[in-house]
Amino acid sequence: MESRLDQQYDFIREIDKEKKIIRQTYLSDGSRKENDAEHAWHAAIMAVLLSEYANEKIDVLKTVTMLLLHDVVEIDAGDTYAYDEEGKKTQRQREVAAADRIYGLLPEDQKKKFRDLWEEFEACETAEAKFARTMDHIQPLILNDASGGISWLEHSVSLSQILDRNKNTAKGSLKLWDYSREKLLQPNVENGIIKNDIEDKNNT
């Protein structure tokens, strides 16, 4: 029977696979797409750096842990692109099965703790989950803007899609969402990288 430490080392080896899950967002210099582990690391540092702007007081360590764990399920489930409507239909089912297997590698107490944190992130109801979700959503906006909107252009992403994707982002930090809309989205709408379909609809 595996010891506690055997189980923990098994989990550590398994989550190394997260480095191989490629996302659709490019690095800031546009040289390549980021992977899940890079995304989680970046969002976790953002949470430490920007926690002062949370709408509510948060436990920063809990929020950081949540961010470091939130995409581990994609080792099995794969990355579901934010604007892949077909993929979203089976996303929850795939990710729950992945959570069962991957968190199941851990000792029972840590399995429950980590799985509960993942479910808390998914439910997006606590102050920590709301702020973690804000980091998760704003991080790709920062990189998309910095890389010249490569991913937005590749997928012909529209403003209405981005706003729908971010409909709950302000729940974690109104300040950061307002800043991101002004500094990251609006300039890319004005230069045509993001299609302003909202304006188009208003004109018809």
N, C-alpha and C. Protein backbone atom coordinates (compact mmCIF):
# COMPACT_ATOMS: atom_id res chain seq x y z
N MET A 1 0.84 -1.20 0.00
CA MET A 1 0.00 0.00 0.00
C MET A 1 0.88 1.25 0.00
N GLU A 2 0.52 2.22 -0.83
CA GLU A 2 1.31 3.44 -0.92
C GLU A 2 1.24 4.25 0.37
N SER A 3 2.38 4.83 0.74
CA SER A 3 2.40 5.71 1.90
C SER A 3 1.85 7.08 1.51
N ARG A 4 1.60 7.91 2.50
CA ARG A 4 1.13 9.28 2.26
C ARG A 4 2.09 10.02 1.33
N LEU A 5 3.38 9.89 1.61
CA LEU A 5 4.38 10.58 0.80
C LEU A 5 4.43 10.03 -0.62
N ASP A 6 4.23 8.72 -0.78
CA ASP A 6 4.15 8.13 -2.13
C ASP A 6 3.01 8.78 -2.91
N GLN A 7 1.87 8.93 -2.28
CA GLN A 7 0.70 9.53 -2.94
C GLN A 7 0.96 10.99 -3.32
N GLN A 8 1.59 11.72 -2.42
CA GLN A 8 1.88 13.12 -2.69
C GLN A 8 2.87 13.27 -3.85
N TYR A 9 3.88 12.42 -3.88
CA TYR A 9 4.85 12.46 -4.98
C TYR A 9 4.20 12.05 -6.29
N ASP A 10 3.27 11.08 -6.23
CA ASP A 10 2.53 10.68 -7.44
C ASP A 10 1.77 11.88 -8.02
N PHE A 11 1.12 12.63 -7.14
CA PHE A 11 0.37 13.82 -7.58
C PHE A 11 1.31 14.86 -8.18
N ILE A 12 2.43 15.09 -7.54
CA ILE A 12 3.41 16.06 -8.03
C ILE A 12 3.90 15.69 -9.43
N ARG A 13 4.17 14.40 -9.62
CA ARG A 13 4.60 13.94 -10.96
C ARG A 13 3.47 14.12 -11.98
N GLU A 14 2.25 13.82 -11.56
CA GLU A 14 1.11 13.89 -12.49
C GLU A 14 0.85 15.32 -12.96
N ILE A 15 0.90 16.28 -12.04
CA ILE A 15 0.56 17.65 -12.44
C ILE A 15 1.64 18.29 -13.31
N ASP A 16 2.79 17.64 -13.43
CA ASP A 16 3.79 18.14 -14.38
C ASP A 16 3.23 18.15 -15.80
N LYS A 17 2.25 17.29 -16.05
CA LYS A 17 1.63 17.21 -17.39
C LYS A 17 0.88 18.48 -17.75
N GLU A 18 0.57 19.32 -16.75
CA GLU A 18 -0.13 20.57 -17.02
C GLU A 18 0.72 21.48 -17.91
N LYS A 19 2.03 21.29 -17.87
CA LYS A 19 2.93 22.11 -18.69
C LYS A 19 2.77 21.81 -20.18
N LYS A 20 2.11 20.70 -20.50
CA LYS A 20 1.94 20.29 -21.90
C LYS A 20 0.59 20.71 -22.47
N ILE A 21 -0.29 21.25 -21.64
CA ILE A 21 -1.63 21.66 -22.11
C ILE A 21 -1.54 23.07 -22.66
N ILE A 22 -1.68 23.20 -23.96
CA ILE A 22 -1.49 24.49 -24.64
C ILE A 22 -2.82 25.24 -24.72
N ARG A 23 -2.78 26.50 -24.33
CA ARG A 23 -3.94 27.38 -24.40
C ARG A 23 -3.94 28.14 -25.72
N GLN A 24 -4.97 28.94 -25.95
CA GLN A 24 -5.06 29.72 -27.19
C GLN A 24 -4.41 31.10 -27.06
N THR A 25 -4.11 31.51 -25.82
CA THR A 25 -3.51 32.82 -25.58
C THR A 25 -2.02 32.79 -25.84
N TYR A 26 -1.52 33.80 -26.53
CA TYR A 26 -0.09 33.89 -26.82
C TYR A 26 0.66 34.59 -25.68
N LEU A 27 1.96 34.31 -25.57
CA LEU A 27 2.81 35.07 -24.67
C LEU A 27 2.79 36.53 -25.08
N SER A 28 3.20 37.41 -24.18
CA SER A 28 3.12 38.85 -24.46
C SER A 28 3.89 39.26 -25.70
N ASP A 29 4.98 38.52 -26.03
CA ASP A 29 5.76 38.89 -27.22
C ASP A 29 5.24 38.21 -28.49
N GLY A 30 4.18 37.41 -28.36
CA GLY A 30 3.57 36.76 -29.52
C GLY A 30 4.36 35.60 -30.09
N SER A 31 5.41 35.16 -29.39
CA SER A 31 6.30 34.14 -29.95
C SER A 31 5.69 32.75 -29.95
N ARG A 32 4.84 32.45 -29.01
CA ARG A 32 4.18 31.14 -28.94
C ARG A 32 2.99 31.24 -28.00
N LYS A 33 2.17 30.17 -27.99
CA LYS A 33 1.05 30.11 -27.06
C LYS A 33 1.53 29.66 -25.68
N GLU A 34 0.87 30.17 -24.65
CA GLU A 34 1.22 29.76 -23.29
C GLU A 34 0.63 28.39 -22.98
N ASN A 35 1.16 27.76 -21.92
CA ASN A 35 0.56 26.52 -21.45
C ASN A 35 -0.19 26.76 -20.14
N ASP A 36 -0.92 25.76 -19.70
CA ASP A 36 -1.77 25.89 -18.51
C ASP A 36 -0.97 26.25 -17.26
N ALA A 37 0.20 25.63 -17.10
CA ALA A 37 1.00 25.89 -15.90
C ALA A 37 1.47 27.33 -15.88
N GLU A 38 1.84 27.86 -17.03
CA GLU A 38 2.27 29.26 -17.12
C GLU A 38 1.11 30.20 -16.80
N HIS A 39 -0.07 29.85 -17.30
CA HIS A 39 -1.26 30.66 -17.03
C HIS A 39 -1.57 30.69 -15.53
N ALA A 40 -1.52 29.51 -14.89
CA ALA A 40 -1.83 29.42 -13.46
C ALA A 40 -0.83 30.21 -12.63
N TRP A 41 0.46 30.07 -12.97
CA TRP A 41 1.51 30.81 -12.26
C TRP A 41 1.30 32.32 -12.40
N HIS A 42 1.00 32.76 -13.60
CA HIS A 42 0.84 34.18 -13.88
C HIS A 42 -0.36 34.74 -13.11
N ALA A 43 -1.48 34.02 -13.14
CA ALA A 43 -2.69 34.46 -12.46
C ALA A 43 -2.50 34.46 -10.94
N ALA A 44 -1.73 33.50 -10.42
CA ALA A 44 -1.47 33.43 -8.98
C ALA A 44 -0.65 34.64 -8.52
N ILE A 45 0.36 35.00 -9.29
CA ILE A 45 1.16 36.19 -8.94
C ILE A 45 0.30 37.44 -9.04
N MET A 46 -0.56 37.50 -10.03
CA MET A 46 -1.48 38.64 -10.15
C MET A 46 -2.34 38.77 -8.90
N ALA A 47 -2.80 37.64 -8.35
CA ALA A 47 -3.65 37.67 -7.17
C ALA A 47 -2.91 38.28 -5.98
N VAL A 48 -1.64 37.94 -5.82
CA VAL A 48 -0.83 38.51 -4.75
C VAL A 48 -0.65 40.01 -4.97
N LEU A 49 -0.34 40.36 -6.19
CA LEU A 49 -0.02 41.75 -6.54
C LEU A 49 -1.24 42.67 -6.48
N LEU A 50 -2.39 42.15 -6.90
CA LEU A 50 -3.57 43.00 -7.09
C LEU A 50 -4.66 42.80 -6.04
N SER A 51 -4.37 42.04 -5.01
CA SER A 51 -5.40 41.71 -4.01
C SER A 51 -6.00 42.95 -3.35
N GLU A 52 -5.26 44.05 -3.33
CA GLU A 52 -5.77 45.28 -2.72
C GLU A 52 -7.00 45.83 -3.44
N TYR A 53 -7.24 45.37 -4.68
CA TYR A 53 -8.36 45.86 -5.46
C TYR A 53 -9.58 44.95 -5.41
N ALA A 54 -9.53 43.90 -4.61
CA ALA A 54 -10.67 42.99 -4.49
C ALA A 54 -11.86 43.74 -3.90
N ASN A 55 -13.05 43.43 -4.38
CA ASN A 55 -14.26 44.07 -3.85
C ASN A 55 -14.46 43.78 -2.37
N GLU A 56 -14.07 42.56 -1.97
CA GLU A 56 -14.22 42.14 -0.58
C GLU A 56 -12.85 41.70 -0.05
N LYS A 57 -12.70 41.67 1.26
CA LYS A 57 -11.46 41.18 1.84
C LYS A 57 -11.33 39.69 1.51
N ILE A 58 -10.14 39.29 1.07
CA ILE A 58 -9.92 37.90 0.69
C ILE A 58 -8.74 37.29 1.43
N ASP A 59 -8.77 35.97 1.55
CA ASP A 59 -7.63 35.20 2.02
C ASP A 59 -6.75 34.97 0.79
N VAL A 60 -5.63 35.69 0.74
CA VAL A 60 -4.79 35.67 -0.48
C VAL A 60 -4.20 34.28 -0.72
N LEU A 61 -3.74 33.61 0.32
CA LEU A 61 -3.15 32.28 0.15
C LEU A 61 -4.18 31.30 -0.41
N LYS A 62 -5.40 31.37 0.11
CA LYS A 62 -6.46 30.50 -0.41
C LYS A 62 -6.73 30.80 -1.88
N THR A 63 -6.75 32.08 -2.23
CA THR A 63 -7.01 32.48 -3.61
C THR A 63 -5.89 32.00 -4.53
N VAL A 64 -4.66 32.16 -4.09
CA VAL A 64 -3.50 31.72 -4.87
C VAL A 64 -3.54 30.21 -5.07
N THR A 65 -3.84 29.47 -4.00
CA THR A 65 -3.92 28.00 -4.10
C THR A 65 -5.00 27.59 -5.09
N MET A 66 -6.12 28.27 -5.03
CA MET A 66 -7.24 28.01 -5.95
C MET A 66 -6.78 28.20 -7.40
N LEU A 67 -6.06 29.27 -7.65
CA LEU A 67 -5.59 29.55 -9.01
C LEU A 67 -4.57 28.54 -9.48
N LEU A 68 -3.68 28.11 -8.59
CA LEU A 68 -2.67 27.12 -8.97
C LEU A 68 -3.30 25.77 -9.28
N LEU A 69 -4.46 25.51 -8.70
CA LEU A 69 -5.12 24.21 -8.87
C LEU A 69 -6.21 24.20 -9.94
N HIS A 70 -6.71 25.38 -10.34
CA HIS A 70 -7.99 25.41 -11.06
C HIS A 70 -7.97 24.73 -12.43
N ASP A 71 -6.82 24.68 -13.09
CA ASP A 71 -6.77 24.06 -14.43
C ASP A 71 -6.08 22.70 -14.45
N VAL A 72 -5.79 22.15 -13.28
CA VAL A 72 -5.16 20.82 -13.23
C VAL A 72 -6.02 19.79 -13.95
N VAL A 73 -7.35 19.97 -13.89
CA VAL A 73 -8.26 19.01 -14.53
C VAL A 73 -8.06 18.95 -16.04
N GLU A 74 -7.46 19.98 -16.61
CA GLU A 74 -7.29 20.00 -18.06
C GLU A 74 -6.22 19.02 -18.55
N ILE A 75 -5.48 18.41 -17.61
CA ILE A 75 -4.55 17.34 -17.97
C ILE A 75 -5.32 16.23 -18.69
N ASP A 76 -6.51 15.93 -18.19
CA ASP A 76 -7.38 14.92 -18.81
C ASP A 76 -8.41 15.55 -19.74
N ALA A 77 -9.00 16.65 -19.30
CA ALA A 77 -10.14 17.23 -20.02
C ALA A 77 -9.74 18.09 -21.21
N GLY A 78 -8.46 18.53 -21.24
CA GLY A 78 -8.01 19.44 -22.29
C GLY A 78 -8.49 20.85 -22.01
N ASP A 79 -7.89 21.81 -22.70
CA ASP A 79 -8.28 23.21 -22.55
C ASP A 79 -9.50 23.47 -23.43
N THR A 80 -10.57 23.96 -22.81
CA THR A 80 -11.76 24.36 -23.56
C THR A 80 -11.65 25.86 -23.81
N TYR A 81 -11.48 26.24 -25.06
CA TYR A 81 -11.30 27.65 -25.40
C TYR A 81 -12.51 28.47 -24.96
N ALA A 82 -12.25 29.66 -24.48
CA ALA A 82 -13.29 30.52 -23.91
C ALA A 82 -14.48 30.71 -24.84
N TYR A 83 -14.24 30.68 -26.15
CA TYR A 83 -15.31 30.97 -27.11
C TYR A 83 -15.70 29.74 -27.93
N ASP A 84 -15.37 28.56 -27.41
CA ASP A 84 -15.74 27.30 -28.06
C ASP A 84 -17.08 26.82 -27.49
N GLU A 85 -18.17 27.24 -28.12
CA GLU A 85 -19.50 26.95 -27.58
C GLU A 85 -19.81 25.45 -27.61
N GLU A 86 -19.32 24.74 -28.62
CA GLU A 86 -19.55 23.30 -28.70
C GLU A 86 -18.82 22.57 -27.58
N GLY A 87 -17.56 22.97 -27.37
CA GLY A 87 -16.76 22.33 -26.32
C GLY A 87 -17.32 22.56 -24.93
N LYS A 88 -17.95 23.70 -24.73
CA LYS A 88 -18.50 24.03 -23.40
C LYS A 88 -19.63 23.08 -23.00
N LYS A 89 -20.29 22.47 -24.00
CA LYS A 89 -21.42 21.59 -23.70
C LYS A 89 -20.99 20.37 -22.91
N THR A 90 -19.77 19.90 -23.11
CA THR A 90 -19.28 18.71 -22.41
C THR A 90 -18.17 19.04 -21.40
N GLN A 91 -17.87 20.32 -21.23
CA GLN A 91 -16.75 20.73 -20.39
C GLN A 91 -16.90 20.24 -18.94
N ARG A 92 -18.04 20.49 -18.35
CA ARG A 92 -18.25 20.11 -16.94
C ARG A 92 -18.10 18.62 -16.75
N GLN A 93 -18.69 17.84 -17.62
CA GLN A 93 -18.62 16.37 -17.52
C GLN A 93 -17.17 15.89 -17.61
N ARG A 94 -16.42 16.43 -18.57
CA ARG A 94 -15.02 16.04 -18.74
C ARG A 94 -14.17 16.44 -17.54
N GLU A 95 -14.44 17.63 -17.02
CA GLU A 95 -13.61 18.13 -15.94
C GLU A 95 -13.91 17.45 -14.61
N VAL A 96 -15.15 17.08 -14.37
CA VAL A 96 -15.48 16.35 -13.14
C VAL A 96 -14.79 14.98 -13.13
N ALA A 97 -14.83 14.30 -14.26
CA ALA A 97 -14.15 13.00 -14.36
C ALA A 97 -12.64 13.16 -14.12
N ALA A 98 -12.08 14.23 -14.65
CA ALA A 98 -10.65 14.50 -14.45
C ALA A 98 -10.34 14.80 -12.99
N ALA A 99 -11.21 15.58 -12.35
CA ALA A 99 -11.02 15.91 -10.94
C ALA A 99 -11.06 14.65 -10.08
N ASP A 100 -11.98 13.75 -10.40
CA ASP A 100 -12.09 12.49 -9.66
C ASP A 100 -10.77 11.72 -9.74
N ARG A 101 -10.20 11.64 -10.93
CA ARG A 101 -8.98 10.85 -11.10
C ARG A 101 -7.75 11.54 -10.51
N ILE A 102 -7.55 12.81 -10.88
CA ILE A 102 -6.29 13.48 -10.53
C ILE A 102 -6.21 13.81 -9.04
N TYR A 103 -7.26 14.41 -8.49
CA TYR A 103 -7.25 14.69 -7.06
C TYR A 103 -7.33 13.40 -6.26
N GLY A 104 -7.85 12.35 -6.89
CA GLY A 104 -7.93 11.04 -6.25
C GLY A 104 -6.58 10.40 -5.99
N LEU A 105 -5.53 10.94 -6.59
CA LEU A 105 -4.17 10.42 -6.35
C LEU A 105 -3.66 10.80 -4.96
N LEU A 106 -4.25 11.83 -4.37
CA LEU A 106 -3.77 12.38 -3.11
C LEU A 106 -4.29 11.60 -1.90
N PRO A 107 -3.63 11.77 -0.74
CA PRO A 107 -4.19 11.25 0.51
C PRO A 107 -5.58 11.85 0.72
N GLU A 108 -6.44 11.14 1.42
CA GLU A 108 -7.86 11.50 1.50
C GLU A 108 -8.10 12.93 1.96
N ASP A 109 -7.35 13.40 2.97
CA ASP A 109 -7.60 14.75 3.47
C ASP A 109 -7.24 15.82 2.44
N GLN A 110 -6.12 15.62 1.74
CA GLN A 110 -5.71 16.59 0.72
C GLN A 110 -6.57 16.46 -0.53
N LYS A 111 -6.99 15.26 -0.84
CA LYS A 111 -7.94 15.06 -1.95
C LYS A 111 -9.19 15.90 -1.73
N LYS A 112 -9.74 15.82 -0.51
CA LYS A 112 -10.96 16.59 -0.20
C LYS A 112 -10.69 18.09 -0.23
N LYS A 113 -9.58 18.53 0.35
CA LYS A 113 -9.25 19.95 0.40
C LYS A 113 -9.09 20.53 -0.99
N PHE A 114 -8.31 19.87 -1.83
CA PHE A 114 -8.03 20.38 -3.18
C PHE A 114 -9.27 20.30 -4.06
N ARG A 115 -10.00 19.21 -3.96
CA ARG A 115 -11.22 19.05 -4.76
C ARG A 115 -12.25 20.10 -4.36
N ASP A 116 -12.37 20.34 -3.05
CA ASP A 116 -13.32 21.36 -2.58
C ASP A 116 -12.93 22.75 -3.07
N LEU A 117 -11.63 23.05 -3.11
CA LEU A 117 -11.17 24.34 -3.62
C LEU A 117 -11.50 24.49 -5.09
N TRP A 118 -11.33 23.41 -5.85
CA TRP A 118 -11.66 23.45 -7.29
C TRP A 118 -13.15 23.69 -7.48
N GLU A 119 -13.98 22.99 -6.71
CA GLU A 119 -15.43 23.17 -6.81
C GLU A 119 -15.82 24.59 -6.38
N GLU A 120 -15.14 25.13 -5.38
CA GLU A 120 -15.42 26.49 -4.93
C GLU A 120 -15.11 27.50 -6.03
N PHE A 121 -13.99 27.28 -6.72
CA PHE A 121 -13.63 28.13 -7.86
C PHE A 121 -14.70 28.05 -8.94
N GLU A 122 -15.14 26.84 -9.23
CA GLU A 122 -16.13 26.64 -10.28
C GLU A 122 -17.46 27.31 -9.93
N ALA A 123 -17.85 27.23 -8.67
CA ALA A 123 -19.13 27.81 -8.24
C ALA A 123 -19.10 29.34 -8.24
N CYS A 124 -17.93 29.91 -8.01
CA CYS A 124 -17.72 31.37 -8.06
C CYS A 124 -18.70 32.13 -7.17
N GLU A 125 -18.80 31.71 -5.92
CA GLU A 125 -19.72 32.36 -4.99
C GLU A 125 -19.01 33.04 -3.82
N THR A 126 -17.84 32.53 -3.39
CA THR A 126 -17.12 33.14 -2.27
C THR A 126 -16.27 34.30 -2.77
N ALA A 127 -15.83 35.14 -1.83
CA ALA A 127 -14.99 36.28 -2.20
C ALA A 127 -13.71 35.83 -2.90
N GLU A 128 -13.11 34.74 -2.38
CA GLU A 128 -11.87 34.23 -2.99
C GLU A 128 -12.10 33.69 -4.39
N ALA A 129 -13.19 32.96 -4.57
CA ALA A 129 -13.49 32.40 -5.90
C ALA A 129 -13.79 33.50 -6.91
N LYS A 130 -14.51 34.52 -6.48
CA LYS A 130 -14.82 35.63 -7.39
C LYS A 130 -13.55 36.35 -7.83
N PHE A 131 -12.64 36.58 -6.87
CA PHE A 131 -11.41 37.28 -7.23
C PHE A 131 -10.50 36.38 -8.07
N ALA A 132 -10.46 35.10 -7.74
CA ALA A 132 -9.67 34.16 -8.55
C ALA A 132 -10.18 34.13 -9.98
N ARG A 133 -11.49 34.14 -10.15
CA ARG A 133 -12.08 34.14 -11.49
C ARG A 133 -11.74 35.44 -12.23
N THR A 134 -11.70 36.55 -11.49
CA THR A 134 -11.31 37.82 -12.10
C THR A 134 -9.88 37.73 -12.63
N MET A 135 -8.97 37.15 -11.84
CA MET A 135 -7.58 36.97 -12.30
C MET A 135 -7.52 36.06 -13.51
N ASP A 136 -8.27 34.97 -13.47
CA ASP A 136 -8.30 33.99 -14.56
C ASP A 136 -8.77 34.62 -15.86
N HIS A 137 -9.68 35.57 -15.79
CA HIS A 137 -10.23 36.19 -16.99
C HIS A 137 -9.43 37.41 -17.46
N ILE A 138 -8.86 38.14 -16.52
CA ILE A 138 -8.11 39.33 -16.92
C ILE A 138 -6.72 38.98 -17.46
N GLN A 139 -6.13 37.91 -16.95
CA GLN A 139 -4.78 37.52 -17.41
C GLN A 139 -4.71 37.35 -18.93
N PRO A 140 -5.63 36.63 -19.57
CA PRO A 140 -5.57 36.53 -21.03
C PRO A 140 -5.85 37.86 -21.75
N LEU A 141 -6.65 38.74 -21.13
CA LEU A 141 -6.86 40.06 -21.73
C LEU A 141 -5.55 40.84 -21.79
N ILE A 142 -4.78 40.76 -20.71
CA ILE A 142 -3.48 41.45 -20.67
C ILE A 142 -2.56 40.92 -21.76
N LEU A 143 -2.50 39.58 -21.90
CA LEU A 143 -1.61 38.98 -22.89
C LEU A 143 -2.10 39.22 -24.31
N ASN A 144 -3.41 39.16 -24.51
CA ASN A 144 -3.95 39.42 -25.85
C ASN A 144 -3.62 40.85 -26.29
N ASP A 145 -3.79 41.79 -25.38
CA ASP A 145 -3.46 43.18 -25.71
C ASP A 145 -1.98 43.34 -25.99
N ALA A 146 -1.14 42.74 -25.13
CA ALA A 146 0.32 42.89 -25.26
C ALA A 146 0.86 42.25 -26.54
N SER A 147 0.22 41.17 -26.99
CA SER A 147 0.70 40.45 -28.17
C SER A 147 0.11 40.98 -29.48
N GLY A 148 -0.59 42.09 -29.41
CA GLY A 148 -1.19 42.65 -30.62
C GLY A 148 -2.49 41.98 -31.01
N GLY A 149 -3.11 41.29 -30.04
CA GLY A 149 -4.42 40.67 -30.31
C GLY A 149 -4.37 39.48 -31.24
N ILE A 150 -3.23 38.76 -31.27
CA ILE A 150 -3.10 37.64 -32.22
C ILE A 150 -4.23 36.63 -32.06
N SER A 151 -4.48 36.22 -30.85
CA SER A 151 -5.52 35.21 -30.61
C SER A 151 -6.91 35.75 -30.94
N TRP A 152 -7.16 36.99 -30.59
CA TRP A 152 -8.45 37.60 -30.95
C TRP A 152 -8.65 37.60 -32.46
N LEU A 153 -7.60 37.94 -33.19
CA LEU A 153 -7.68 37.98 -34.65
C LEU A 153 -7.84 36.58 -35.24
N GLU A 154 -7.07 35.62 -34.71
CA GLU A 154 -7.14 34.24 -35.23
C GLU A 154 -8.54 33.66 -35.10
N HIS A 155 -9.23 34.01 -34.04
CA HIS A 155 -10.56 33.44 -33.77
C HIS A 155 -11.70 34.41 -34.08
N SER A 156 -11.36 35.56 -34.68
CA SER A 156 -12.37 36.58 -35.03
C SER A 156 -13.28 36.88 -33.84
N VAL A 157 -12.66 37.15 -32.71
CA VAL A 157 -13.41 37.39 -31.47
C VAL A 157 -14.05 38.77 -31.50
N SER A 158 -15.30 38.83 -31.09
CA SER A 158 -16.05 40.09 -31.08
C SER A 158 -16.18 40.64 -29.67
N LEU A 159 -16.52 41.91 -29.58
CA LEU A 159 -16.70 42.56 -28.29
C LEU A 159 -17.82 41.90 -27.49
N SER A 160 -18.90 41.53 -28.14
CA SER A 160 -20.01 40.91 -27.41
C SER A 160 -19.57 39.57 -26.79
N GLN A 161 -18.72 38.82 -27.49
CA GLN A 161 -18.21 37.57 -26.93
C GLN A 161 -17.37 37.83 -25.68
N ILE A 162 -16.50 38.83 -25.76
CA ILE A 162 -15.63 39.14 -24.63
C ILE A 162 -16.45 39.63 -23.44
N LEU A 163 -17.42 40.47 -23.68
CA LEU A 163 -18.25 40.98 -22.59
C LEU A 163 -19.09 39.87 -21.97
N ASP A 164 -19.58 38.95 -22.77
CA ASP A 164 -20.35 37.83 -22.25
C ASP A 164 -19.44 36.93 -21.41
N ARG A 165 -18.25 36.67 -21.91
CA ARG A 165 -17.27 35.86 -21.17
C ARG A 165 -16.94 36.50 -19.82
N ASN A 166 -16.93 37.81 -19.78
CA ASN A 166 -16.52 38.54 -18.59
C ASN A 166 -17.70 39.13 -17.81
N LYS A 167 -18.87 38.56 -17.97
CA LYS A 167 -20.05 39.14 -17.32
C LYS A 167 -19.97 39.10 -15.80
N ASN A 168 -19.14 38.22 -15.25
CA ASN A 168 -19.00 38.13 -13.79
C ASN A 168 -17.65 38.64 -13.29
N THR A 169 -16.81 39.15 -14.19
CA THR A 169 -15.46 39.55 -13.80
C THR A 169 -15.46 40.67 -12.77
N ALA A 170 -16.38 41.59 -12.90
CA ALA A 170 -16.45 42.72 -11.96
C ALA A 170 -16.84 42.28 -10.55
N LYS A 171 -17.39 41.07 -10.40
CA LYS A 171 -17.80 40.61 -9.08
C LYS A 171 -16.60 40.39 -8.16
N GLY A 172 -15.44 40.15 -8.76
CA GLY A 172 -14.22 40.01 -7.96
C GLY A 172 -13.53 41.33 -7.73
N SER A 173 -13.57 42.18 -8.76
CA SER A 173 -12.96 43.52 -8.64
C SER A 173 -13.53 44.43 -9.71
N LEU A 174 -14.38 45.32 -9.29
CA LEU A 174 -14.93 46.31 -10.22
C LEU A 174 -13.83 47.22 -10.73
N LYS A 175 -12.90 47.58 -9.87
CA LYS A 175 -11.79 48.47 -10.24
C LYS A 175 -10.96 47.86 -11.37
N LEU A 176 -10.60 46.59 -11.24
CA LEU A 176 -9.75 45.95 -12.25
C LEU A 176 -10.51 45.72 -13.56
N TRP A 177 -11.79 45.42 -13.46
CA TRP A 177 -12.58 45.22 -14.68
C TRP A 177 -12.74 46.54 -15.43
N ASP A 178 -13.05 47.60 -14.71
CA ASP A 178 -13.19 48.91 -15.36
C ASP A 178 -11.88 49.34 -16.01
N TYR A 179 -10.78 49.13 -15.32
CA TYR A 179 -9.46 49.47 -15.87
C TYR A 179 -9.17 48.65 -17.12
N SER A 180 -9.48 47.36 -17.06
CA SER A 180 -9.21 46.48 -18.20
C SER A 180 -10.05 46.85 -19.42
N ARG A 181 -11.29 47.20 -19.18
CA ARG A 181 -12.15 47.63 -20.30
C ARG A 181 -11.59 48.88 -20.96
N GLU A 182 -11.15 49.83 -20.13
CA GLU A 182 -10.65 51.09 -20.67
C GLU A 182 -9.29 50.96 -21.34
N LYS A 183 -8.39 50.20 -20.71
CA LYS A 183 -7.00 50.16 -21.17
C LYS A 183 -6.68 49.00 -22.11
N LEU A 184 -7.43 47.91 -22.02
CA LEU A 184 -7.12 46.72 -22.82
C LEU A 184 -8.12 46.48 -23.95
N LEU A 185 -9.41 46.66 -23.66
CA LEU A 185 -10.42 46.35 -24.66
C LEU A 185 -10.71 47.52 -25.60
N GLN A 186 -10.99 48.67 -25.04
CA GLN A 186 -11.39 49.80 -25.87
C GLN A 186 -10.39 50.15 -26.96
N PRO A 187 -9.09 50.22 -26.67
CA PRO A 187 -8.12 50.52 -27.74
C PRO A 187 -8.15 49.48 -28.86
N ASN A 188 -8.40 48.22 -28.52
CA ASN A 188 -8.43 47.16 -29.53
C ASN A 188 -9.74 47.14 -30.31
N VAL A 189 -10.78 47.69 -29.72
CA VAL A 189 -12.02 47.91 -30.47
C VAL A 189 -11.80 49.04 -31.47
N GLU A 190 -11.16 50.11 -31.00
CA GLU A 190 -10.94 51.29 -31.85
C GLU A 190 -10.01 50.99 -33.02
N ASN A 191 -9.03 50.10 -32.83
CA ASN A 191 -8.11 49.79 -33.93
C ASN A 191 -8.56 48.61 -34.78
N GLY A 192 -9.74 48.07 -34.46
CA GLY A 192 -10.34 47.03 -35.31
C GLY A 192 -9.91 45.61 -35.02
N ILE A 193 -9.05 45.40 -34.02
CA ILE A 193 -8.62 44.04 -33.69
C ILE A 193 -9.78 43.25 -33.09
N ILE A 194 -10.57 43.91 -32.24
CA ILE A 194 -11.80 43.32 -31.71
C ILE A 194 -12.97 43.91 -32.50
N LYS A 195 -13.77 43.04 -33.10
CA LYS A 195 -14.91 43.52 -33.88
C LYS A 195 -15.98 44.08 -32.95
N ASN A 196 -16.38 45.31 -33.21
CA ASN A 196 -17.40 45.94 -32.38
C ASN A 196 -18.79 45.60 -32.91
N ASP A 197 -19.22 44.37 -32.66
CA ASP A 197 -20.53 43.94 -33.15
C ASP A 197 -21.67 44.56 -32.35
N ILE A 198 -21.38 45.05 -31.19
CA ILE A 198 -22.41 45.74 -30.40
C ILE A 198 -22.79 47.05 -31.09
N GLU A 199 -21.78 47.76 -31.56
CA GLU A 199 -22.02 49.00 -32.30
C GLU A 199 -22.75 48.70 -33.60
N ASP A 200 -22.32 47.61 -34.26
CA ASP A 200 -22.97 47.23 -35.52
C ASP A 200 -24.46 46.97 -35.31
N LYS A 201 -24.79 46.26 -34.21
CA LYS A 201 -26.20 45.96 -33.93
C LYS A 201 -26.98 47.23 -33.66
N ASN A 202 -26.35 48.16 -32.96
CA ASN A 202 -27.01 49.40 -32.63
C ASN A 202 -27.30 50.25 -33.87
N ASN A 203 -26.51 50.01 -34.91
CA ASN A 203 -26.66 50.81 -36.13
C ASN A 203 -27.64 50.17 -37.13
N THR A 204 -28.14 48.99 -36.78
CA THR A 204 -29.05 48.31 -37.71
C THR A 204 -30.48 48.41 -37.22
